[in-house]
Protein backbone atom coordinates (compact mmCIF):
# COMPACT_ATOMS: atom_id res chain seq x y z
CA UNK A 1 0.00 0.00 0.00
CA UNK A 2 1.19 3.51 -0.80
CA UNK A 3 0.06 6.71 0.92
CA UNK A 4 -1.00 9.65 -1.18
CA UNK A 5 -2.16 13.15 -0.23
CA UNK A 6 -5.73 14.09 -1.16
CA UNK A 7 -5.82 15.18 -4.79
CA UNK A 8 -8.13 16.03 -7.62
CA UNK A 9 -8.53 17.86 -10.88
CA UNK A 10 -9.61 21.39 -11.63
CA UNK A 11 -12.96 21.29 -13.42
CA UNK A 12 -13.76 23.52 -16.37
CA UNK A 13 -14.67 27.03 -15.18
CA UNK A 14 -13.16 26.41 -11.74
CA UNK A 15 -10.13 28.17 -10.21
CA UNK A 16 -7.37 26.19 -8.51
CA UNK A 17 -8.56 27.56 -5.17
CA UNK A 18 -12.16 26.48 -5.83
CA UNK A 19 -10.96 23.00 -6.82
CA UNK A 20 -8.94 22.77 -3.60
CA UNK A 21 -11.97 23.64 -1.46
CA UNK A 22 -14.23 21.25 -3.39
CA UNK A 23 -11.79 18.34 -3.33
CA UNK A 24 -11.05 18.75 0.40
CA UNK A 25 -14.77 18.52 1.08
CA UNK A 26 -15.40 15.63 -1.33
CA UNK A 27 -12.46 13.56 -0.14
CA UNK A 28 -12.10 14.48 3.53
CA UNK A 29 -15.41 16.04 4.59
CA UNK A 30 -13.66 19.24 5.67
CA UNK A 31 -14.07 22.85 4.61
CA UNK A 32 -10.76 24.58 4.03
CA UNK A 33 -9.65 28.12 3.37
CA UNK A 34 -6.60 28.33 1.08
CA UNK A 35 -3.93 30.39 2.85
CA UNK A 36 -0.79 30.21 0.71
CA UNK A 37 0.36 28.42 -2.43
CA UNK A 38 3.54 26.58 -1.46
CA UNK A 39 4.55 25.19 -4.83
CA UNK A 40 3.49 24.09 -8.29
CA UNK A 41 5.10 20.67 -8.63
CA UNK A 42 5.59 18.35 -11.61
CA UNK A 43 3.80 15.06 -11.00
CA UNK A 44 4.85 11.55 -12.02
CA UNK A 45 2.56 11.70 -15.07
CA UNK A 46 4.17 14.05 -17.65
CA UNK A 47 2.31 17.34 -17.98
CA UNK A 48 0.41 17.00 -14.69
CA UNK A 49 1.08 19.68 -12.11
CA UNK A 50 0.24 19.49 -8.41
CA UNK A 51 -0.53 22.64 -6.47
CA UNK A 52 0.57 22.37 -2.85
CA UNK A 53 -1.22 24.71 -0.45
CA UNK A 54 -1.19 25.72 3.18
CA UNK A 55 -4.83 25.70 4.29
CA UNK A 56 -6.86 26.46 7.34
CA UNK A 57 -9.63 24.03 8.28
CA UNK A 58 -12.74 26.13 8.90
CA UNK A 59 -15.37 23.39 9.21
CA UNK A 60 -16.18 19.71 9.12
CA UNK A 61 -14.38 16.71 10.54
CA UNK A 62 -12.02 14.41 8.64
CA UNK A 63 -13.76 11.17 7.80
CA UNK A 64 -12.85 8.18 5.68
CA UNK A 65 -15.22 7.66 2.77
CA UNK A 66 -15.50 6.29 -0.75
CA UNK A 67 -12.54 8.28 -2.10
CA UNK A 68 -10.32 8.03 0.97
CA UNK A 69 -10.08 4.51 2.36
CA UNK A 70 -8.01 5.52 5.37
CA UNK A 71 -6.39 8.65 6.71
CA UNK A 72 -3.61 8.98 9.20
CA UNK A 73 -1.16 11.46 10.66
CA UNK A 74 2.57 10.68 10.51
CA UNK A 75 5.51 11.95 12.50
CA UNK A 76 8.36 13.29 10.41
CA UNK A 77 10.40 10.13 11.07
CA UNK A 78 7.46 7.90 10.07
CA UNK A 79 6.80 9.98 6.94
CA UNK A 80 10.37 9.46 5.76
CA UNK A 81 9.80 5.68 5.75
CA UNK A 82 6.38 5.35 4.13
CA UNK A 83 5.81 4.25 0.56
CA UNK A 84 4.52 7.05 -1.64
CA UNK A 85 4.76 8.14 -5.27
CA UNK A 86 8.16 9.50 -6.42
CA UNK A 87 6.94 13.06 -7.07
CA UNK A 88 5.41 13.31 -3.60
CA UNK A 89 8.52 11.89 -1.97
CA UNK A 90 10.65 14.48 -3.79
CA UNK A 91 8.29 17.29 -2.69
CA UNK A 92 8.34 16.09 0.92
CA UNK A 93 12.13 15.90 0.89
CA UNK A 94 12.52 19.42 -0.46
CA UNK A 95 9.87 21.18 1.60
CA UNK A 96 9.10 19.23 4.78
CA UNK A 97 12.29 17.36 5.53
CA UNK A 98 14.41 20.45 4.89
CA UNK A 99 12.08 22.71 6.91
CA UNK A 100 11.21 25.04 4.03
CA UNK A 101 7.62 25.29 5.25
PDB file of N, CA and C in Angstrom:
ATOM      1  N   UNK A   1       0.842  -1.178   0.000  1.00  0.00           N
ATOM      2  CA  UNK A   1       0.000   0.000   0.000  1.00  0.00           C
ATOM      3  C   UNK A   1       0.889   1.244   0.000  1.00  0.00           C
ATOM      4  N   UNK A   2       0.491   2.234  -0.771  1.00  0.00           N
ATOM      5  CA  UNK A   2       1.194   3.514  -0.798  1.00  0.00           C
ATOM      6  C   UNK A   2       0.264   4.588  -0.244  1.00  0.00           C
ATOM      7  N   UNK A   3       0.824   5.584   0.404  1.00  0.00           N
ATOM      8  CA  UNK A   3       0.058   6.713   0.916  1.00  0.00           C
ATOM      9  C   UNK A   3       0.140   7.847  -0.087  1.00  0.00           C
ATOM     10  N   UNK A   4      -0.939   8.580  -0.193  1.00  0.00           N
ATOM     11  CA  UNK A   4      -1.004   9.652  -1.179  1.00  0.00           C
ATOM     12  C   UNK A   4      -1.829  10.794  -0.604  1.00  0.00           C
ATOM     13  N   UNK A   5      -1.372  12.026  -0.730  1.00  0.00           N
ATOM     14  CA  UNK A   5      -2.161  13.151  -0.226  1.00  0.00           C
ATOM     15  C   UNK A   5      -3.471  13.283  -1.013  1.00  0.00           C
ATOM     16  N   UNK A   6      -4.485  13.866  -0.426  1.00  0.00           N
ATOM     17  CA  UNK A   6      -5.732  14.094  -1.164  1.00  0.00           C
ATOM     18  C   UNK A   6      -5.446  14.902  -2.429  1.00  0.00           C
ATOM     19  N   UNK A   7      -6.071  14.510  -3.523  1.00  0.00           N
ATOM     20  CA  UNK A   7      -5.824  15.182  -4.792  1.00  0.00           C
ATOM     21  C   UNK A   7      -7.107  15.301  -5.595  1.00  0.00           C
ATOM     22  N   UNK A   8      -6.993  15.932  -6.722  1.00  0.00           N
ATOM     23  CA  UNK A   8      -8.131  16.028  -7.623  1.00  0.00           C
ATOM     24  C   UNK A   8      -7.766  16.857  -8.833  1.00  0.00           C
ATOM     25  N   UNK A   9      -8.748  17.086  -9.666  1.00  0.00           N
ATOM     26  CA  UNK A   9      -8.531  17.863 -10.877  1.00  0.00           C
ATOM     27  C   UNK A   9      -9.377  19.128 -10.838  1.00  0.00           C
ATOM     28  N   UNK A  10      -8.870  20.148 -11.487  1.00  0.00           N
ATOM     29  CA  UNK A  10      -9.612  21.395 -11.633  1.00  0.00           C
ATOM     30  C   UNK A  10     -10.634  21.188 -12.744  1.00  0.00           C
ATOM     31  N   UNK A  11     -11.893  21.435 -12.425  1.00  0.00           N
ATOM     32  CA  UNK A  11     -12.956  21.293 -13.421  1.00  0.00           C
ATOM     33  C   UNK A  11     -13.032  22.548 -14.285  1.00  0.00           C
ATOM     34  N   UNK A  12     -13.600  22.390 -15.453  1.00  0.00           N
ATOM     35  CA  UNK A  12     -13.761  23.524 -16.368  1.00  0.00           C
ATOM     36  C   UNK A  12     -14.546  24.641 -15.670  1.00  0.00           C
ATOM     37  N   UNK A  13     -14.023  25.868 -15.783  1.00  0.00           N
ATOM     38  CA  UNK A  13     -14.670  27.025 -15.184  1.00  0.00           C
ATOM     39  C   UNK A  13     -14.353  27.219 -13.708  1.00  0.00           C
ATOM     40  N   UNK A  14     -13.484  26.390 -13.161  1.00  0.00           N
ATOM     41  CA  UNK A  14     -13.157  26.412 -11.740  1.00  0.00           C
ATOM     42  C   UNK A  14     -11.738  26.945 -11.565  1.00  0.00           C
ATOM     43  N   UNK A  15     -11.492  27.734 -10.525  1.00  0.00           N
ATOM     44  CA  UNK A  15     -10.133  28.166 -10.208  1.00  0.00           C
ATOM     45  C   UNK A  15      -9.437  27.059  -9.420  1.00  0.00           C
ATOM     46  N   UNK A  16      -8.129  27.161  -9.302  1.00  0.00           N
ATOM     47  CA  UNK A  16      -7.368  26.195  -8.512  1.00  0.00           C
ATOM     48  C   UNK A  16      -7.851  26.229  -7.059  1.00  0.00           C
ATOM     49  N   UNK A  17      -8.095  27.425  -6.544  1.00  0.00           N
ATOM     50  CA  UNK A  17      -8.562  27.562  -5.168  1.00  0.00           C
ATOM     51  C   UNK A  17      -9.931  26.909  -4.982  1.00  0.00           C
ATOM     52  N   UNK A  18     -10.837  27.097  -5.926  1.00  0.00           N
ATOM     53  CA  UNK A  18     -12.160  26.481  -5.835  1.00  0.00           C
ATOM     54  C   UNK A  18     -12.052  24.957  -5.886  1.00  0.00           C
ATOM     55  N   UNK A  19     -11.166  24.448  -6.733  1.00  0.00           N
ATOM     56  CA  UNK A  19     -10.962  22.997  -6.818  1.00  0.00           C
ATOM     57  C   UNK A  19     -10.421  22.453  -5.495  1.00  0.00           C
ATOM     58  N   UNK A  20      -9.504  23.173  -4.889  1.00  0.00           N
ATOM     59  CA  UNK A  20      -8.944  22.767  -3.598  1.00  0.00           C
ATOM     60  C   UNK A  20     -10.043  22.639  -2.547  1.00  0.00           C
ATOM     61  N   UNK A  21     -10.883  23.655  -2.436  1.00  0.00           N
ATOM     62  CA  UNK A  21     -11.965  23.642  -1.456  1.00  0.00           C
ATOM     63  C   UNK A  21     -12.930  22.490  -1.745  1.00  0.00           C
ATOM     64  N   UNK A  22     -13.308  22.312  -3.006  1.00  0.00           N
ATOM     65  CA  UNK A  22     -14.234  21.250  -3.387  1.00  0.00           C
ATOM     66  C   UNK A  22     -13.648  19.874  -3.093  1.00  0.00           C
ATOM     67  N   UNK A  23     -12.410  19.646  -3.518  1.00  0.00           N
ATOM     68  CA  UNK A  23     -11.787  18.336  -3.332  1.00  0.00           C
ATOM     69  C   UNK A  23     -11.590  18.009  -1.850  1.00  0.00           C
ATOM     70  N   UNK A  24     -11.211  18.990  -1.038  1.00  0.00           N
ATOM     71  CA  UNK A  24     -11.052  18.747   0.403  1.00  0.00           C
ATOM     72  C   UNK A  24     -12.377  18.294   1.012  1.00  0.00           C
ATOM     73  N   UNK A  25     -13.465  18.912   0.562  1.00  0.00           N
ATOM     74  CA  UNK A  25     -14.771  18.516   1.084  1.00  0.00           C
ATOM     75  C   UNK A  25     -15.185  17.136   0.557  1.00  0.00           C
ATOM     76  N   UNK A  26     -15.011  16.916  -0.744  1.00  0.00           N
ATOM     77  CA  UNK A  26     -15.405  15.630  -1.326  1.00  0.00           C
ATOM     78  C   UNK A  26     -14.610  14.461  -0.747  1.00  0.00           C
ATOM     79  N   UNK A  27     -13.315  14.666  -0.558  1.00  0.00           N
ATOM     80  CA  UNK A  27     -12.455  13.561  -0.142  1.00  0.00           C
ATOM     81  C   UNK A  27     -12.325  13.421   1.367  1.00  0.00           C
ATOM     82  N   UNK A  28     -12.372  14.535   2.091  1.00  0.00           N
ATOM     83  CA  UNK A  28     -12.097  14.479   3.527  1.00  0.00           C
ATOM     84  C   UNK A  28     -13.238  14.947   4.421  1.00  0.00           C
ATOM     85  N   UNK A  29     -14.283  15.516   3.820  1.00  0.00           N
ATOM     86  CA  UNK A  29     -15.411  16.042   4.588  1.00  0.00           C
ATOM     87  C   UNK A  29     -15.023  17.270   5.420  1.00  0.00           C
ATOM     88  N   UNK A  30     -14.043  18.020   4.964  1.00  0.00           N
ATOM     89  CA  UNK A  30     -13.664  19.244   5.668  1.00  0.00           C
ATOM     90  C   UNK A  30     -13.793  20.442   4.741  1.00  0.00           C
ATOM     91  N   UNK A  31     -14.015  21.597   5.348  1.00  0.00           N
ATOM     92  CA  UNK A  31     -14.069  22.855   4.610  1.00  0.00           C
ATOM     93  C   UNK A  31     -12.764  23.582   4.906  1.00  0.00           C
ATOM     94  N   UNK A  32     -12.043  23.916   3.848  1.00  0.00           N
ATOM     95  CA  UNK A  32     -10.759  24.581   4.029  1.00  0.00           C
ATOM     96  C   UNK A  32     -10.773  25.963   3.399  1.00  0.00           C
ATOM     97  N   UNK A  33      -9.906  26.799   3.938  1.00  0.00           N
ATOM     98  CA  UNK A  33      -9.648  28.119   3.369  1.00  0.00           C
ATOM     99  C   UNK A  33      -8.204  28.105   2.882  1.00  0.00           C
ATOM    100  N   UNK A  34      -7.979  28.269   1.567  1.00  0.00           N
ATOM    101  CA  UNK A  34      -6.598  28.335   1.076  1.00  0.00           C
ATOM    102  C   UNK A  34      -5.886  29.542   1.677  1.00  0.00           C
ATOM    103  N   UNK A  35      -4.686  29.327   2.209  1.00  0.00           N
ATOM    104  CA  UNK A  35      -3.927  30.394   2.852  1.00  0.00           C
ATOM    105  C   UNK A  35      -2.756  30.846   1.982  1.00  0.00           C
ATOM    106  N   UNK A  36      -1.990  29.864   1.484  1.00  0.00           N
ATOM    107  CA  UNK A  36      -0.786  30.209   0.712  1.00  0.00           C
ATOM    108  C   UNK A  36      -0.424  29.068  -0.232  1.00  0.00           C
ATOM    109  N   UNK A  37      -0.151  29.403  -1.477  1.00  0.00           N
ATOM    110  CA  UNK A  37       0.359  28.423  -2.432  1.00  0.00           C
ATOM    111  C   UNK A  37       1.831  28.182  -2.109  1.00  0.00           C
ATOM    112  N   UNK A  38       2.164  26.938  -1.813  1.00  0.00           N
ATOM    113  CA  UNK A  38       3.541  26.584  -1.465  1.00  0.00           C
ATOM    114  C   UNK A  38       4.365  26.343  -2.720  1.00  0.00           C
ATOM    115  N   UNK A  39       3.777  25.571  -3.654  1.00  0.00           N
ATOM    116  CA  UNK A  39       4.545  25.190  -4.833  1.00  0.00           C
ATOM    117  C   UNK A  39       3.630  24.649  -5.923  1.00  0.00           C
ATOM    118  N   UNK A  40       4.059  24.802  -7.149  1.00  0.00           N
ATOM    119  CA  UNK A  40       3.490  24.087  -8.286  1.00  0.00           C
ATOM    120  C   UNK A  40       4.525  23.037  -8.631  1.00  0.00           C
ATOM    121  N   UNK A  41       4.143  21.765  -8.598  1.00  0.00           N
ATOM    122  CA  UNK A  41       5.095  20.667  -8.627  1.00  0.00           C
ATOM    123  C   UNK A  41       4.771  19.692  -9.742  1.00  0.00           C
ATOM    124  N   UNK A  42       5.761  19.334 -10.542  1.00  0.00           N
ATOM    125  CA  UNK A  42       5.592  18.347 -11.615  1.00  0.00           C
ATOM    126  C   UNK A  42       5.277  16.991 -11.013  1.00  0.00           C
ATOM    127  N   UNK A  43       4.210  16.376 -11.478  1.00  0.00           N
ATOM    128  CA  UNK A  43       3.801  15.061 -11.005  1.00  0.00           C
ATOM    129  C   UNK A  43       4.516  13.952 -11.767  1.00  0.00           C
ATOM    130  N   UNK A  44       4.247  12.719 -11.379  1.00  0.00           N
ATOM    131  CA  UNK A  44       4.852  11.554 -12.023  1.00  0.00           C
ATOM    132  C   UNK A  44       4.344  11.358 -13.443  1.00  0.00           C
ATOM    133  N   UNK A  45       3.114  11.785 -13.727  1.00  0.00           N
ATOM    134  CA  UNK A  45       2.560  11.704 -15.072  1.00  0.00           C
ATOM    135  C   UNK A  45       2.971  12.969 -15.820  1.00  0.00           C
ATOM    136  N   UNK A  46       3.702  12.858 -16.924  1.00  0.00           N
ATOM    137  CA  UNK A  46       4.167  14.046 -17.648  1.00  0.00           C
ATOM    138  C   UNK A  46       3.027  15.018 -17.960  1.00  0.00           C
ATOM    139  N   UNK A  47       3.290  16.291 -17.701  1.00  0.00           N
ATOM    140  CA  UNK A  47       2.314  17.335 -17.982  1.00  0.00           C
ATOM    141  C   UNK A  47       1.345  17.612 -16.848  1.00  0.00           C
ATOM    142  N   UNK A  48       1.295  16.753 -15.831  1.00  0.00           N
ATOM    143  CA  UNK A  48       0.411  16.996 -14.692  1.00  0.00           C
ATOM    144  C   UNK A  48       1.161  17.770 -13.619  1.00  0.00           C
ATOM    145  N   UNK A  49       0.509  18.814 -13.132  1.00  0.00           N
ATOM    146  CA  UNK A  49       1.084  19.682 -12.110  1.00  0.00           C
ATOM    147  C   UNK A  49       0.245  19.560 -10.843  1.00  0.00           C
ATOM    148  N   UNK A  50       0.912  19.469  -9.708  1.00  0.00           N
ATOM    149  CA  UNK A  50       0.237  19.491  -8.409  1.00  0.00           C
ATOM    150  C   UNK A  50       0.439  20.865  -7.798  1.00  0.00           C
ATOM    151  N   UNK A  51      -0.598  21.371  -7.189  1.00  0.00           N
ATOM    152  CA  UNK A  51      -0.534  22.639  -6.471  1.00  0.00           C
ATOM    153  C   UNK A  51      -0.588  22.308  -4.988  1.00  0.00           C
ATOM    154  N   UNK A  52       0.472  22.652  -4.279  1.00  0.00           N
ATOM    155  CA  UNK A  52       0.566  22.368  -2.852  1.00  0.00           C
ATOM    156  C   UNK A  52       0.241  23.648  -2.088  1.00  0.00           C
ATOM    157  N   UNK A  53      -0.719  23.546  -1.172  1.00  0.00           N
ATOM    158  CA  UNK A  53      -1.223  24.708  -0.446  1.00  0.00           C
ATOM    159  C   UNK A  53      -1.128  24.527   1.063  1.00  0.00           C
ATOM    160  N   UNK A  54      -0.904  25.651   1.753  1.00  0.00           N
ATOM    161  CA  UNK A  54      -1.187  25.717   3.176  1.00  0.00           C
ATOM    162  C   UNK A  54      -2.652  26.109   3.264  1.00  0.00           C
ATOM    163  N   UNK A  55      -3.395  25.432   4.140  1.00  0.00           N
ATOM    164  CA  UNK A  55      -4.829  25.699   4.286  1.00  0.00           C
ATOM    165  C   UNK A  55      -5.182  25.782   5.758  1.00  0.00           C
ATOM    166  N   UNK A  56      -6.290  26.430   6.008  1.00  0.00           N
ATOM    167  CA  UNK A  56      -6.861  26.456   7.344  1.00  0.00           C
ATOM    168  C   UNK A  56      -8.172  25.677   7.288  1.00  0.00           C
ATOM    169  N   UNK A  57      -8.365  24.754   8.205  1.00  0.00           N
ATOM    170  CA  UNK A  57      -9.631  24.026   8.282  1.00  0.00           C
ATOM    171  C   UNK A  57     -10.624  24.933   9.002  1.00  0.00           C
ATOM    172  N   UNK A  58     -11.739  25.215   8.326  1.00  0.00           N
ATOM    173  CA  UNK A  58     -12.741  26.126   8.902  1.00  0.00           C
ATOM    174  C   UNK A  58     -14.057  25.412   9.205  1.00  0.00           C
ATOM    175  N   UNK A  59     -14.153  24.130   8.906  1.00  0.00           N
ATOM    176  CA  UNK A  59     -15.368  23.385   9.211  1.00  0.00           C
ATOM    177  C   UNK A  59     -15.233  21.918   8.869  1.00  0.00           C
ATOM    178  N   UNK A  60     -16.153  21.132   9.406  1.00  0.00           N
ATOM    179  CA  UNK A  60     -16.177  19.710   9.120  1.00  0.00           C
ATOM    180  C   UNK A  60     -15.243  18.920  10.012  1.00  0.00           C
ATOM    181  N   UNK A  61     -15.229  17.630   9.793  1.00  0.00           N
ATOM    182  CA  UNK A  61     -14.379  16.709  10.537  1.00  0.00           C
ATOM    183  C   UNK A  61     -13.874  15.649   9.569  1.00  0.00           C
ATOM    184  N   UNK A  62     -12.584  15.378   9.570  1.00  0.00           N
ATOM    185  CA  UNK A  62     -12.021  14.408   8.636  1.00  0.00           C
ATOM    186  C   UNK A  62     -12.649  13.039   8.862  1.00  0.00           C
ATOM    187  N   UNK A  63     -13.131  12.487   7.761  1.00  0.00           N
ATOM    188  CA  UNK A  63     -13.763  11.173   7.798  1.00  0.00           C
ATOM    189  C   UNK A  63     -13.312  10.361   6.593  1.00  0.00           C
ATOM    190  N   UNK A  64     -13.120   9.066   6.802  1.00  0.00           N
ATOM    191  CA  UNK A  64     -12.852   8.177   5.677  1.00  0.00           C
ATOM    192  C   UNK A  64     -14.148   8.019   4.896  1.00  0.00           C
ATOM    193  N   UNK A  65     -14.034   7.822   3.601  1.00  0.00           N
ATOM    194  CA  UNK A  65     -15.221   7.663   2.772  1.00  0.00           C
ATOM    195  C   UNK A  65     -14.906   6.844   1.546  1.00  0.00           C
ATOM    196  N   UNK A  66     -15.689   7.050   0.487  1.00  0.00           N
ATOM    197  CA  UNK A  66     -15.501   6.295  -0.751  1.00  0.00           C
ATOM    198  C   UNK A  66     -14.170   6.619  -1.417  1.00  0.00           C
ATOM    199  N   UNK A  67     -13.767   7.889  -1.405  1.00  0.00           N
ATOM    200  CA  UNK A  67     -12.543   8.279  -2.104  1.00  0.00           C
ATOM    201  C   UNK A  67     -11.295   8.100  -1.247  1.00  0.00           C
ATOM    202  N   UNK A  68     -11.443   8.190   0.059  1.00  0.00           N
ATOM    203  CA  UNK A  68     -10.317   8.026   0.975  1.00  0.00           C
ATOM    204  C   UNK A  68     -10.613   6.810   1.838  1.00  0.00           C
ATOM    205  N   UNK A  69      -9.852   5.737   1.614  1.00  0.00           N
ATOM    206  CA  UNK A  69     -10.082   4.513   2.362  1.00  0.00           C
ATOM    207  C   UNK A  69      -9.617   4.610   3.800  1.00  0.00           C
ATOM    208  N   UNK A  70      -8.567   5.386   4.026  1.00  0.00           N
ATOM    209  CA  UNK A  70      -8.011   5.523   5.370  1.00  0.00           C
ATOM    210  C   UNK A  70      -7.185   6.795   5.418  1.00  0.00           C
ATOM    211  N   UNK A  71      -7.272   7.492   6.517  1.00  0.00           N
ATOM    212  CA  UNK A  71      -6.395   8.647   6.708  1.00  0.00           C
ATOM    213  C   UNK A  71      -5.595   8.432   7.988  1.00  0.00           C
ATOM    214  N   UNK A  72      -4.501   9.166   8.063  1.00  0.00           N
ATOM    215  CA  UNK A  72      -3.614   8.980   9.199  1.00  0.00           C
ATOM    216  C   UNK A  72      -2.640  10.149   9.266  1.00  0.00           C
ATOM    217  N   UNK A  73      -2.205  10.463  10.457  1.00  0.00           N
ATOM    218  CA  UNK A  73      -1.155  11.459  10.662  1.00  0.00           C
ATOM    219  C   UNK A  73       0.157  10.717  10.887  1.00  0.00           C
ATOM    220  N   UNK A  74       1.260  11.288  10.371  1.00  0.00           N
ATOM    221  CA  UNK A  74       2.572  10.682  10.512  1.00  0.00           C
ATOM    222  C   UNK A  74       3.531  11.656  11.186  1.00  0.00           C
ATOM    223  N   UNK A  75       4.411  11.131  12.008  1.00  0.00           N
ATOM    224  CA  UNK A  75       5.514  11.946  12.503  1.00  0.00           C
ATOM    225  C   UNK A  75       6.482  12.139  11.336  1.00  0.00           C
ATOM    226  N   UNK A  76       7.384  13.063  11.470  1.00  0.00           N
ATOM    227  CA  UNK A  76       8.364  13.285  10.407  1.00  0.00           C
ATOM    228  C   UNK A  76       9.194  12.029  10.174  1.00  0.00           C
ATOM    229  N   UNK A  77       9.613  11.355  11.232  1.00  0.00           N
ATOM    230  CA  UNK A  77      10.401  10.132  11.074  1.00  0.00           C
ATOM    231  C   UNK A  77       9.595   9.037  10.384  1.00  0.00           C
ATOM    232  N   UNK A  78       8.308   8.897  10.729  1.00  0.00           N
ATOM    233  CA  UNK A  78       7.458   7.905  10.069  1.00  0.00           C
ATOM    234  C   UNK A  78       7.270   8.255   8.595  1.00  0.00           C
ATOM    235  N   UNK A  79       7.046   9.533   8.311  1.00  0.00           N
ATOM    236  CA  UNK A  79       6.798   9.978   6.937  1.00  0.00           C
ATOM    237  C   UNK A  79       7.986   9.677   6.031  1.00  0.00           C
ATOM    238  N   UNK A  80       9.178   9.738   6.561  1.00  0.00           N
ATOM    239  CA  UNK A  80      10.372   9.458   5.759  1.00  0.00           C
ATOM    240  C   UNK A  80      10.451   7.997   5.333  1.00  0.00           C
ATOM    241  N   UNK A  81       9.716   7.117   6.011  1.00  0.00           N
ATOM    242  CA  UNK A  81       9.798   5.680   5.748  1.00  0.00           C
ATOM    243  C   UNK A  81       8.620   5.125   4.961  1.00  0.00           C
ATOM    244  N   UNK A  82       7.553   5.902   4.793  1.00  0.00           N
ATOM    245  CA  UNK A  82       6.375   5.347   4.135  1.00  0.00           C
ATOM    246  C   UNK A  82       6.555   5.280   2.627  1.00  0.00           C
ATOM    247  N   UNK A  83       5.809   4.381   2.015  1.00  0.00           N
ATOM    248  CA  UNK A  83       5.814   4.248   0.565  1.00  0.00           C
ATOM    249  C   UNK A  83       4.849   5.284  -0.015  1.00  0.00           C
ATOM    250  N   UNK A  84       5.346   6.071  -0.952  1.00  0.00           N
ATOM    251  CA  UNK A  84       4.523   7.054  -1.643  1.00  0.00           C
ATOM    252  C   UNK A  84       5.030   7.165  -3.074  1.00  0.00           C
ATOM    253  N   UNK A  85       4.354   7.949  -3.876  1.00  0.00           N
ATOM    254  CA  UNK A  85       4.765   8.138  -5.266  1.00  0.00           C
ATOM    255  C   UNK A  85       6.036   8.984  -5.320  1.00  0.00           C
ATOM    256  N   UNK A  86       6.884   8.773  -6.334  1.00  0.00           N
ATOM    257  CA  UNK A  86       8.165   9.503  -6.423  1.00  0.00           C
ATOM    258  C   UNK A  86       8.034  11.026  -6.375  1.00  0.00           C
ATOM    259  N   UNK A  87       7.073  11.602  -7.071  1.00  0.00           N
ATOM    260  CA  UNK A  87       6.941  13.065  -7.072  1.00  0.00           C
ATOM    261  C   UNK A  87       6.601  13.595  -5.686  1.00  0.00           C
ATOM    262  N   UNK A  88       5.752  12.885  -4.955  1.00  0.00           N
ATOM    263  CA  UNK A  88       5.412  13.313  -3.605  1.00  0.00           C
ATOM    264  C   UNK A  88       6.616  13.199  -2.683  1.00  0.00           C
ATOM    265  N   UNK A  89       7.325  12.082  -2.807  1.00  0.00           N
ATOM    266  CA  UNK A  89       8.519  11.893  -1.971  1.00  0.00           C
ATOM    267  C   UNK A  89       9.522  13.027  -2.204  1.00  0.00           C
ATOM    268  N   UNK A  90       9.726  13.400  -3.463  1.00  0.00           N
ATOM    269  CA  UNK A  90      10.648  14.484  -3.788  1.00  0.00           C
ATOM    270  C   UNK A  90      10.163  15.808  -3.188  1.00  0.00           C
ATOM    271  N   UNK A  91       8.850  16.075  -3.285  1.00  0.00           N
ATOM    272  CA  UNK A  91       8.290  17.291  -2.690  1.00  0.00           C
ATOM    273  C   UNK A  91       8.501  17.290  -1.177  1.00  0.00           C
ATOM    274  N   UNK A  92       8.169  16.178  -0.526  1.00  0.00           N
ATOM    275  CA  UNK A  92       8.339  16.094   0.922  1.00  0.00           C
ATOM    276  C   UNK A  92       9.793  16.322   1.320  1.00  0.00           C
ATOM    277  N   UNK A  93      10.709  15.722   0.582  1.00  0.00           N
ATOM    278  CA  UNK A  93      12.134  15.901   0.886  1.00  0.00           C
ATOM    279  C   UNK A  93      12.528  17.364   0.797  1.00  0.00           C
ATOM    280  N   UNK A  94      12.112  18.030  -0.259  1.00  0.00           N
ATOM    281  CA  UNK A  94      12.522  19.421  -0.458  1.00  0.00           C
ATOM    282  C   UNK A  94      11.869  20.380   0.527  1.00  0.00           C
ATOM    283  N   UNK A  95      10.594  20.188   0.807  1.00  0.00           N
ATOM    284  CA  UNK A  95       9.873  21.177   1.603  1.00  0.00           C
ATOM    285  C   UNK A  95       9.731  20.811   3.075  1.00  0.00           C
ATOM    286  N   UNK A  96       9.334  19.591   3.378  1.00  0.00           N
ATOM    287  CA  UNK A  96       9.104  19.226   4.776  1.00  0.00           C
ATOM    288  C   UNK A  96      10.383  18.807   5.478  1.00  0.00           C
ATOM    289  N   UNK A  97      11.132  17.913   4.855  1.00  0.00           N
ATOM    290  CA  UNK A  97      12.290  17.363   5.534  1.00  0.00           C
ATOM    291  C   UNK A  97      13.429  18.363   5.629  1.00  0.00           C
ATOM    292  N   UNK A  98      13.396  19.388   4.824  1.00  0.00           N
ATOM    293  CA  UNK A  98      14.407  20.448   4.887  1.00  0.00           C
ATOM    294  C   UNK A  98      13.860  21.716   5.524  1.00  0.00           C
ATOM    295  N   UNK A  99      12.684  21.610   6.165  1.00  0.00           N
ATOM    296  CA  UNK A  99      12.080  22.714   6.915  1.00  0.00           C
ATOM    297  C   UNK A  99      11.868  23.992   6.097  1.00  0.00           C
ATOM    298  N   UNK A 100      11.480  23.857   4.840  1.00  0.00           N
ATOM    299  CA  UNK A 100      11.207  25.040   4.025  1.00  0.00           C
ATOM    300  C   UNK A 100       9.825  25.605   4.299  1.00  0.00           C
ATOM    301  N   UNK A 101       8.958  24.791   4.898  1.00  0.00           N
ATOM    302  CA  UNK A 101       7.620  25.294   5.250  1.00  0.00           C
ATOM    303  C   UNK A 101       7.316  24.967   6.693  1.00  0.00           C
TER     304      UNK A 101
END
